[in-house]
Amino acid sequence: MKRVLWACVLNGFAWVWCSYVLAALDKPQIAESLSQVALAEIIVPVAVYAGKSAIENLSKNNHWPDKAATDSSSEPGEPSDGG
């Protein structure tokens, strides 16, 4: 999934870069449309997905104070110190 994510980000940046080339070639309307499509359809959704994924990983891997501490190595009813 990370390869697809990076491919989308690089494609979006390439589209924006191409819009600057078109603007330099005196085609501002096409350049503006291309930039808007690239930002709206590629870069923003990928950034939102990356942010959501980062928050999920933080939540999953962090030991929150209100989260019950669970130890998968101990049996139910057995002390956690192994004693």
PDB file of N, CA and C in Angstrom:
ATOM      1  N   MET A   1       0.827  -1.202   0.000  1.00  0.00           N
ATOM      2  CA  MET A   1       0.000   0.000   0.000  1.00  0.00           C
ATOM      3  C   MET A   1       0.867   1.259   0.000  1.00  0.00           C
ATOM      4  N   LYS A   2       2.045   1.173   0.626  1.00  0.00           N
ATOM      5  CA  LYS A   2       2.905   2.351   0.679  1.00  0.00           C
ATOM      6  C   LYS A   2       3.404   2.724  -0.714  1.00  0.00           C
ATOM      7  N   ARG A   3       3.639   1.733  -1.562  1.00  0.00           N
ATOM      8  CA  ARG A   3       4.084   2.029  -2.931  1.00  0.00           C
ATOM      9  C   ARG A   3       3.002   2.757  -3.711  1.00  0.00           C
ATOM     10  N   VAL A   4       1.772   2.336  -3.530  1.00  0.00           N
ATOM     11  CA  VAL A   4       0.655   3.008  -4.209  1.00  0.00           C
ATOM     12  C   VAL A   4       0.520   4.434  -3.698  1.00  0.00           C
ATOM     13  N   LEU A   5       0.662   4.587  -2.398  1.00  0.00           N
ATOM     14  CA  LEU A   5       0.582   5.918  -1.788  1.00  0.00           C
ATOM     15  C   LEU A   5       1.654   6.837  -2.351  1.00  0.00           C
ATOM     16  N   TRP A   6       2.909   6.351  -2.387  1.00  0.00           N
ATOM     17  CA  TRP A   6       4.000   7.171  -2.929  1.00  0.00           C
ATOM     18  C   TRP A   6       3.808   7.443  -4.412  1.00  0.00           C
ATOM     19  N   ALA A   7       3.297   6.468  -5.166  1.00  0.00           N
ATOM     20  CA  ALA A   7       3.055   6.685  -6.592  1.00  0.00           C
ATOM     21  C   ALA A   7       2.023   7.793  -6.793  1.00  0.00           C
ATOM     22  N   CYS A   8       0.979   7.801  -5.974  1.00  0.00           N
ATOM     23  CA  CYS A   8      -0.048   8.842  -6.084  1.00  0.00           C
ATOM     24  C   CYS A   8       0.512  10.215  -5.726  1.00  0.00           C
ATOM     25  N   VAL A   9       1.310  10.277  -4.676  1.00  0.00           N
ATOM     26  CA  VAL A   9       1.892  11.558  -4.274  1.00  0.00           C
ATOM     27  C   VAL A   9       2.821  12.090  -5.360  1.00  0.00           C
ATOM     28  N   LEU A  10       3.690  11.232  -5.872  1.00  0.00           N
ATOM     29  CA  LEU A  10       4.612  11.665  -6.926  1.00  0.00           C
ATOM     30  C   LEU A  10       3.870  12.068  -8.198  1.00  0.00           C
ATOM     31  N   ASN A  11       2.820  11.340  -8.529  1.00  0.00           N
ATOM     32  CA  ASN A  11       2.015  11.698  -9.698  1.00  0.00           C
ATOM     33  C   ASN A  11       1.354  13.060  -9.500  1.00  0.00           C
ATOM     34  N   GLY A  12       0.838  13.305  -8.326  1.00  0.00           N
ATOM     35  CA  GLY A  12       0.217  14.603  -8.051  1.00  0.00           C
ATOM     36  C   GLY A  12       1.211  15.743  -8.140  1.00  0.00           C
ATOM     37  N   PHE A  13       2.400  15.550  -7.576  1.00  0.00           N
ATOM     38  CA  PHE A  13       3.421  16.589  -7.681  1.00  0.00           C
ATOM     39  C   PHE A  13       3.871  16.791  -9.127  1.00  0.00           C
ATOM     40  N   ALA A  14       3.916  15.721  -9.899  1.00  0.00           N
ATOM     41  CA  ALA A  14       4.282  15.849 -11.312  1.00  0.00           C
ATOM     42  C   ALA A  14       3.226  16.665 -12.053  1.00  0.00           C
ATOM     43  N   TRP A  15       1.958  16.438 -11.732  1.00  0.00           N
ATOM     44  CA  TRP A  15       0.896  17.210 -12.383  1.00  0.00           C
ATOM     45  C   TRP A  15       1.019  18.694 -12.050  1.00  0.00           C
ATOM     46  N   VAL A  16       1.282  18.989 -10.778  1.00  0.00           N
ATOM     47  CA  VAL A  16       1.440  20.394 -10.387  1.00  0.00           C
ATOM     48  C   VAL A  16       2.647  21.000 -11.097  1.00  0.00           C
ATOM     49  N   TRP A  17       3.742  20.268 -11.179  1.00  0.00           N
ATOM     50  CA  TRP A  17       4.936  20.750 -11.871  1.00  0.00           C
ATOM     51  C   TRP A  17       4.635  20.998 -13.345  1.00  0.00           C
ATOM     52  N   CYS A  18       3.888  20.093 -13.950  1.00  0.00           N
ATOM     53  CA  CYS A  18       3.511  20.277 -15.367  1.00  0.00           C
ATOM     54  C   CYS A  18       2.630  21.516 -15.549  1.00  0.00           C
ATOM     55  N   SER A  19       1.835  21.825 -14.542  1.00  0.00           N
ATOM     56  CA  SER A  19       1.005  23.025 -14.654  1.00  0.00           C
ATOM     57  C   SER A  19       1.868  24.279 -14.682  1.00  0.00           C
ATOM     58  N   TYR A  20       2.994  24.266 -13.962  1.00  0.00           N
ATOM     59  CA  TYR A  20       3.917  25.406 -14.026  1.00  0.00           C
ATOM     60  C   TYR A  20       4.557  25.509 -15.408  1.00  0.00           C
ATOM     61  N   VAL A  21       4.863  24.385 -15.996  1.00  0.00           N
ATOM     62  CA  VAL A  21       5.418  24.384 -17.358  1.00  0.00           C
ATOM     63  C   VAL A  21       4.392  24.956 -18.330  1.00  0.00           C
ATOM     64  N   LEU A  22       3.143  24.538 -18.197  1.00  0.00           N
ATOM     65  CA  LEU A  22       2.093  25.071 -19.070  1.00  0.00           C
ATOM     66  C   LEU A  22       1.900  26.570 -18.856  1.00  0.00           C
ATOM     67  N   ALA A  23       1.994  27.014 -17.612  1.00  0.00           N
ATOM     68  CA  ALA A  23       1.872  28.449 -17.347  1.00  0.00           C
ATOM     69  C   ALA A  23       3.024  29.209 -17.988  1.00  0.00           C
ATOM     70  N   ALA A  24       4.215  28.633 -17.966  1.00  0.00           N
ATOM     71  CA  ALA A  24       5.362  29.279 -18.609  1.00  0.00           C
ATOM     72  C   ALA A  24       5.208  29.311 -20.122  1.00  0.00           C
ATOM     73  N   LEU A  25       4.467  28.360 -20.670  1.00  0.00           N
ATOM     74  CA  LEU A  25       4.215  28.320 -22.112  1.00  0.00           C
ATOM     75  C   LEU A  25       2.998  29.161 -22.501  1.00  0.00           C
ATOM     76  N   ASP A  26       2.544  30.024 -21.592  1.00  0.00           N
ATOM     77  CA  ASP A  26       1.440  30.946 -21.825  1.00  0.00           C
ATOM     78  C   ASP A  26       0.106  30.221 -22.039  1.00  0.00           C
ATOM     79  N   LYS A  27      -0.145  29.226 -21.219  1.00  0.00           N
ATOM     80  CA  LYS A  27      -1.430  28.507 -21.216  1.00  0.00           C
ATOM     81  C   LYS A  27      -1.964  28.493 -19.779  1.00  0.00           C
ATOM     82  N   PRO A  28      -2.302  29.663 -19.227  1.00  0.00           N
ATOM     83  CA  PRO A  28      -2.649  29.741 -17.805  1.00  0.00           C
ATOM     84  C   PRO A  28      -3.944  29.026 -17.440  1.00  0.00           C
ATOM     85  N   GLN A  29      -4.912  29.007 -18.342  1.00  0.00           N
ATOM     86  CA  GLN A  29      -6.187  28.371 -18.000  1.00  0.00           C
ATOM     87  C   GLN A  29      -6.024  26.859 -17.832  1.00  0.00           C
ATOM     88  N   ILE A  30      -5.294  26.235 -18.735  1.00  0.00           N
ATOM     89  CA  ILE A  30      -5.042  24.799 -18.625  1.00  0.00           C
ATOM     90  C   ILE A  30      -4.209  24.516 -17.382  1.00  0.00           C
ATOM     91  N   ALA A  31      -3.230  25.347 -17.121  1.00  0.00           N
ATOM     92  CA  ALA A  31      -2.362  25.150 -15.963  1.00  0.00           C
ATOM     93  C   ALA A  31      -3.160  25.241 -14.662  1.00  0.00           C
ATOM     94  N   GLU A  32      -4.058  26.204 -14.590  1.00  0.00           N
ATOM     95  CA  GLU A  32      -4.863  26.364 -13.386  1.00  0.00           C
ATOM     96  C   GLU A  32      -5.779  25.161 -13.183  1.00  0.00           C
ATOM     97  N   SER A  33      -6.391  24.688 -14.239  1.00  0.00           N
ATOM     98  CA  SER A  33      -7.268  23.517 -14.139  1.00  0.00           C
ATOM     99  C   SER A  33      -6.497  22.281 -13.710  1.00  0.00           C
ATOM    100  N   LEU A  34      -5.326  22.107 -14.283  1.00  0.00           N
ATOM    101  CA  LEU A  34      -4.509  20.944 -13.954  1.00  0.00           C
ATOM    102  C   LEU A  34      -4.063  20.975 -12.496  1.00  0.00           C
ATOM    103  N   SER A  35      -3.673  22.131 -12.001  1.00  0.00           N
ATOM    104  CA  SER A  35      -3.262  22.249 -10.597  1.00  0.00           C
ATOM    105  C   SER A  35      -4.418  21.946  -9.654  1.00  0.00           C
ATOM    106  N   GLN A  36      -5.588  22.464  -9.976  1.00  0.00           N
ATOM    107  CA  GLN A  36      -6.745  22.226  -9.118  1.00  0.00           C
ATOM    108  C   GLN A  36      -7.107  20.749  -9.079  1.00  0.00           C
ATOM    109  N   VAL A  37      -7.072  20.098 -10.229  1.00  0.00           N
ATOM    110  CA  VAL A  37      -7.400  18.672 -10.276  1.00  0.00           C
ATOM    111  C   VAL A  37      -6.360  17.873  -9.507  1.00  0.00           C
ATOM    112  N   ALA A  38      -5.103  18.194  -9.688  1.00  0.00           N
ATOM    113  CA  ALA A  38      -4.038  17.457  -9.011  1.00  0.00           C
ATOM    114  C   ALA A  38      -4.163  17.593  -7.501  1.00  0.00           C
ATOM    115  N   LEU A  39      -4.421  18.794  -7.021  1.00  0.00           N
ATOM    116  CA  LEU A  39      -4.537  19.002  -5.577  1.00  0.00           C
ATOM    117  C   LEU A  39      -5.806  18.371  -5.013  1.00  0.00           C
ATOM    118  N   ALA A  40      -6.908  18.547  -5.722  1.00  0.00           N
ATOM    119  CA  ALA A  40      -8.181  18.067  -5.202  1.00  0.00           C
ATOM    120  C   ALA A  40      -8.335  16.554  -5.308  1.00  0.00           C
ATOM    121  N   GLU A  41      -7.817  15.959  -6.347  1.00  0.00           N
ATOM    122  CA  GLU A  41      -8.063  14.547  -6.595  1.00  0.00           C
ATOM    123  C   GLU A  41      -6.946  13.619  -6.147  1.00  0.00           C
ATOM    124  N   ILE A  42      -5.734  14.119  -5.990  1.00  0.00           N
ATOM    125  CA  ILE A  42      -4.622  13.228  -5.674  1.00  0.00           C
ATOM    126  C   ILE A  42      -3.967  13.577  -4.350  1.00  0.00           C
ATOM    127  N   ILE A  43      -3.464  14.768  -4.210  1.00  0.00           N
ATOM    128  CA  ILE A  43      -2.627  15.096  -3.063  1.00  0.00           C
ATOM    129  C   ILE A  43      -3.437  15.183  -1.772  1.00  0.00           C
ATOM    130  N   VAL A  44      -4.578  15.839  -1.767  1.00  0.00           N
ATOM    131  CA  VAL A  44      -5.364  16.000  -0.539  1.00  0.00           C
ATOM    132  C   VAL A  44      -5.887  14.660  -0.009  1.00  0.00           C
ATOM    133  N   PRO A  45      -6.501  13.802  -0.839  1.00  0.00           N
ATOM    134  CA  PRO A  45      -6.942  12.507  -0.288  1.00  0.00           C
ATOM    135  C   PRO A  45      -5.795  11.649   0.253  1.00  0.00           C
ATOM    136  N   VAL A  46      -4.662  11.684  -0.417  1.00  0.00           N
ATOM    137  CA  VAL A  46      -3.516  10.914   0.057  1.00  0.00           C
ATOM    138  C   VAL A  46      -3.022  11.476   1.394  1.00  0.00           C
ATOM    139  N   ALA A  47      -2.984  12.786   1.526  1.00  0.00           N
ATOM    140  CA  ALA A  47      -2.565  13.398   2.782  1.00  0.00           C
ATOM    141  C   ALA A  47      -3.545  13.067   3.906  1.00  0.00           C
ATOM    142  N   VAL A  48      -4.827  13.080   3.623  1.00  0.00           N
ATOM    143  CA  VAL A  48      -5.832  12.731   4.628  1.00  0.00           C
ATOM    144  C   VAL A  48      -5.672  11.269   5.038  1.00  0.00           C
ATOM    145  N   TYR A  49      -5.461  10.392   4.063  1.00  0.00           N
ATOM    146  CA  TYR A  49      -5.259   8.975   4.365  1.00  0.00           C
ATOM    147  C   TYR A  49      -4.013   8.775   5.227  1.00  0.00           C
ATOM    148  N   ALA A  50      -2.937   9.461   4.892  1.00  0.00           N
ATOM    149  CA  ALA A  50      -1.705   9.335   5.665  1.00  0.00           C
ATOM    150  C   ALA A  50      -1.916   9.835   7.100  1.00  0.00           C
ATOM    151  N   GLY A  51      -2.626  10.928   7.267  1.00  0.00           N
ATOM    152  CA  GLY A  51      -2.913  11.441   8.600  1.00  0.00           C
ATOM    153  C   GLY A  51      -3.771  10.488   9.410  1.00  0.00           C
ATOM    154  N   LYS A  52      -4.782   9.921   8.774  1.00  0.00           N
ATOM    155  CA  LYS A  52      -5.646   8.952   9.445  1.00  0.00           C
ATOM    156  C   LYS A  52      -4.852   7.719   9.861  1.00  0.00           C
ATOM    157  N   SER A  53      -3.988   7.267   8.989  1.00  0.00           N
ATOM    158  CA  SER A  53      -3.166   6.101   9.288  1.00  0.00           C
ATOM    159  C   SER A  53      -2.209   6.382  10.442  1.00  0.00           C
ATOM    160  N   ALA A  54      -1.624   7.559  10.463  1.00  0.00           N
ATOM    161  CA  ALA A  54      -0.713   7.919  11.547  1.00  0.00           C
ATOM    162  C   ALA A  54      -1.444   7.963  12.883  1.00  0.00           C
ATOM    163  N   ILE A  55      -2.642   8.511  12.912  1.00  0.00           N
ATOM    164  CA  ILE A  55      -3.420   8.575  14.152  1.00  0.00           C
ATOM    165  C   ILE A  55      -3.818   7.174  14.603  1.00  0.00           C
ATOM    166  N   GLU A  56      -4.203   6.310  13.651  1.00  0.00           N
ATOM    167  CA  GLU A  56      -4.555   4.937  14.009  1.00  0.00           C
ATOM    168  C   GLU A  56      -3.353   4.195  14.591  1.00  0.00           C
ATOM    169  N   ASN A  57      -2.189   4.361  13.981  1.00  0.00           N
ATOM    170  CA  ASN A  57      -0.993   3.691  14.491  1.00  0.00           C
ATOM    171  C   ASN A  57      -0.606   4.224  15.863  1.00  0.00           C
ATOM    172  N   LEU A  58      -0.728   5.518  16.062  1.00  0.00           N
ATOM    173  CA  LEU A  58      -0.432   6.104  17.365  1.00  0.00           C
ATOM    174  C   LEU A  58      -1.382   5.545  18.417  1.00  0.00           C
ATOM    175  N   SER A  59      -2.650   5.473  18.076  1.00  0.00           N
ATOM    176  CA  SER A  59      -3.640   4.980  19.014  1.00  0.00           C
ATOM    177  C   SER A  59      -3.429   3.503  19.314  1.00  0.00           C
ATOM    178  N   LYS A  60      -3.066   2.732  18.303  1.00  0.00           N
ATOM    179  CA  LYS A  60      -2.890   1.291  18.483  1.00  0.00           C
ATOM    180  C   LYS A  60      -1.626   0.964  19.273  1.00  0.00           C
ATOM    181  N   ASN A  61      -0.553   1.699  19.044  1.00  0.00           N
ATOM    182  CA  ASN A  61       0.733   1.371  19.638  1.00  0.00           C
ATOM    183  C   ASN A  61       1.066   2.152  20.902  1.00  0.00           C
ATOM    184  N   ASN A  62       0.230   3.071  21.288  1.00  0.00           N
ATOM    185  CA  ASN A  62       0.498   3.877  22.466  1.00  0.00           C
ATOM    186  C   ASN A  62      -0.229   3.289  23.666  1.00  0.00           C
ATOM    187  N   HIS A  63       0.315   3.483  24.837  1.00  0.00           N
ATOM    188  CA  HIS A  63      -0.321   3.022  26.064  1.00  0.00           C
ATOM    189  C   HIS A  63      -1.042   4.202  26.705  1.00  0.00           C
ATOM    190  N   TRP A  64      -2.298   4.346  26.357  1.00  0.00           N
ATOM    191  CA  TRP A  64      -3.088   5.450  26.868  1.00  0.00           C
ATOM    192  C   TRP A  64      -3.428   5.196  28.336  1.00  0.00           C
ATOM    193  N   PRO A  65      -3.558   6.262  29.138  1.00  0.00           N
ATOM    194  CA  PRO A  65      -3.866   6.070  30.567  1.00  0.00           C
ATOM    195  C   PRO A  65      -5.229   5.418  30.785  1.00  0.00           C
ATOM    196  N   ASP A  66      -6.197   5.671  29.940  1.00  0.00           N
ATOM    197  CA  ASP A  66      -7.523   5.107  30.134  1.00  0.00           C
ATOM    198  C   ASP A  66      -7.680   3.736  29.481  1.00  0.00           C
ATOM    199  N   LYS A  67      -6.648   3.243  28.811  1.00  0.00           N
ATOM    200  CA  LYS A  67      -6.697   1.948  28.156  1.00  0.00           C
ATOM    201  C   LYS A  67      -6.307   0.874  29.176  1.00  0.00           C
ATOM    202  N   ALA A  68      -7.068  -0.189  29.241  1.00  0.00           N
ATOM    203  CA  ALA A  68      -6.759  -1.260  30.183  1.00  0.00           C
ATOM    204  C   ALA A  68      -5.476  -1.952  29.750  1.00  0.00           C
ATOM    205  N   ALA A  69      -4.586  -2.177  30.694  1.00  0.00           N
ATOM    206  CA  ALA A  69      -3.322  -2.838  30.390  1.00  0.00           C
ATOM    207  C   ALA A  69      -3.586  -4.321  30.179  1.00  0.00           C
ATOM    208  N   THR A  70      -3.167  -4.840  29.032  1.00  0.00           N
ATOM    209  CA  THR A  70      -3.350  -6.255  28.739  1.00  0.00           C
ATOM    210  C   THR A  70      -2.000  -6.866  28.433  1.00  0.00           C
ATOM    211  N   ASP A  71      -1.793  -8.052  28.949  1.00  0.00           N
ATOM    212  CA  ASP A  71      -0.556  -8.782  28.704  1.00  0.00           C
ATOM    213  C   ASP A  71      -0.943 -10.118  28.096  1.00  0.00           C
ATOM    214  N   SER A  72      -0.636 -10.327  26.840  1.00  0.00           N
ATOM    215  CA  SER A  72      -1.067 -11.527  26.146  1.00  0.00           C
ATOM    216  C   SER A  72      -0.278 -12.756  26.559  1.00  0.00           C
ATOM    217  N   SER A  73       0.857 -12.580  27.252  1.00  0.00           N
ATOM    218  CA  SER A  73       1.683 -13.722  27.617  1.00  0.00           C
ATOM    219  C   SER A  73       1.198 -14.416  28.889  1.00  0.00           C
ATOM    220  N   SER A  74       0.382 -13.772  29.693  1.00  0.00           N
ATOM    221  CA  SER A  74      -0.072 -14.386  30.940  1.00  0.00           C
ATOM    222  C   SER A  74      -1.451 -14.996  30.761  1.00  0.00           C
ATOM    223  N   GLU A  75      -1.688 -16.052  31.520  1.00  0.00           N
ATOM    224  CA  GLU A  75      -2.978 -16.722  31.515  1.00  0.00           C
ATOM    225  C   GLU A  75      -3.947 -15.946  32.398  1.00  0.00           C
ATOM    226  N   PRO A  76      -5.246 -16.037  32.141  1.00  0.00           N
ATOM    227  CA  PRO A  76      -6.209 -15.373  33.018  1.00  0.00           C
ATOM    228  C   PRO A  76      -6.132 -15.950  34.427  1.00  0.00           C
ATOM    229  N   GLY A  77      -6.118 -15.085  35.394  1.00  0.00           N
ATOM    230  CA  GLY A  77      -6.050 -15.506  36.774  1.00  0.00           C
ATOM    231  C   GLY A  77      -4.634 -15.717  37.268  1.00  0.00           C
ATOM    232  N   GLU A  78      -3.662 -15.679  36.415  1.00  0.00           N
ATOM    233  CA  GLU A  78      -2.256 -15.858  36.784  1.00  0.00           C
ATOM    234  C   GLU A  78      -1.627 -14.497  37.027  1.00  0.00           C
ATOM    235  N   PRO A  79      -0.803 -14.346  38.029  1.00  0.00           N
ATOM    236  CA  PRO A  79      -0.163 -13.043  38.267  1.00  0.00           C
ATOM    237  C   PRO A  79       0.748 -12.670  37.096  1.00  0.00           C
ATOM    238  N   SER A  80       0.837 -11.387  36.818  1.00  0.00           N
ATOM    239  CA  SER A  80       1.601 -10.933  35.664  1.00  0.00           C
ATOM    240  C   SER A  80       3.099 -10.989  35.909  1.00  0.00           C
ATOM    241  N   ASP A  81       3.539 -11.145  37.184  1.00  0.00           N
ATOM    242  CA  ASP A  81       4.981 -11.201  37.438  1.00  0.00           C
ATOM    243  C   ASP A  81       5.534 -12.620  37.293  1.00  0.00           C
ATOM    244  N   GLY A  82       4.686 -13.557  36.950  1.00  0.00           N
ATOM    245  CA  GLY A  82       5.124 -14.913  36.702  1.00  0.00           C
ATOM    246  C   GLY A  82       5.335 -15.709  37.963  1.00  0.00           C
ATOM    247  N   GLY A  83       4.965 -15.176  39.091  1.00  0.00           N
ATOM    248  CA  GLY A  83       5.333 -15.751  40.339  1.00  0.00           C
ATOM    249  C   GLY A  83       4.447 -16.713  40.937  1.00  0.00           C
TER     250      GLY A  83
END
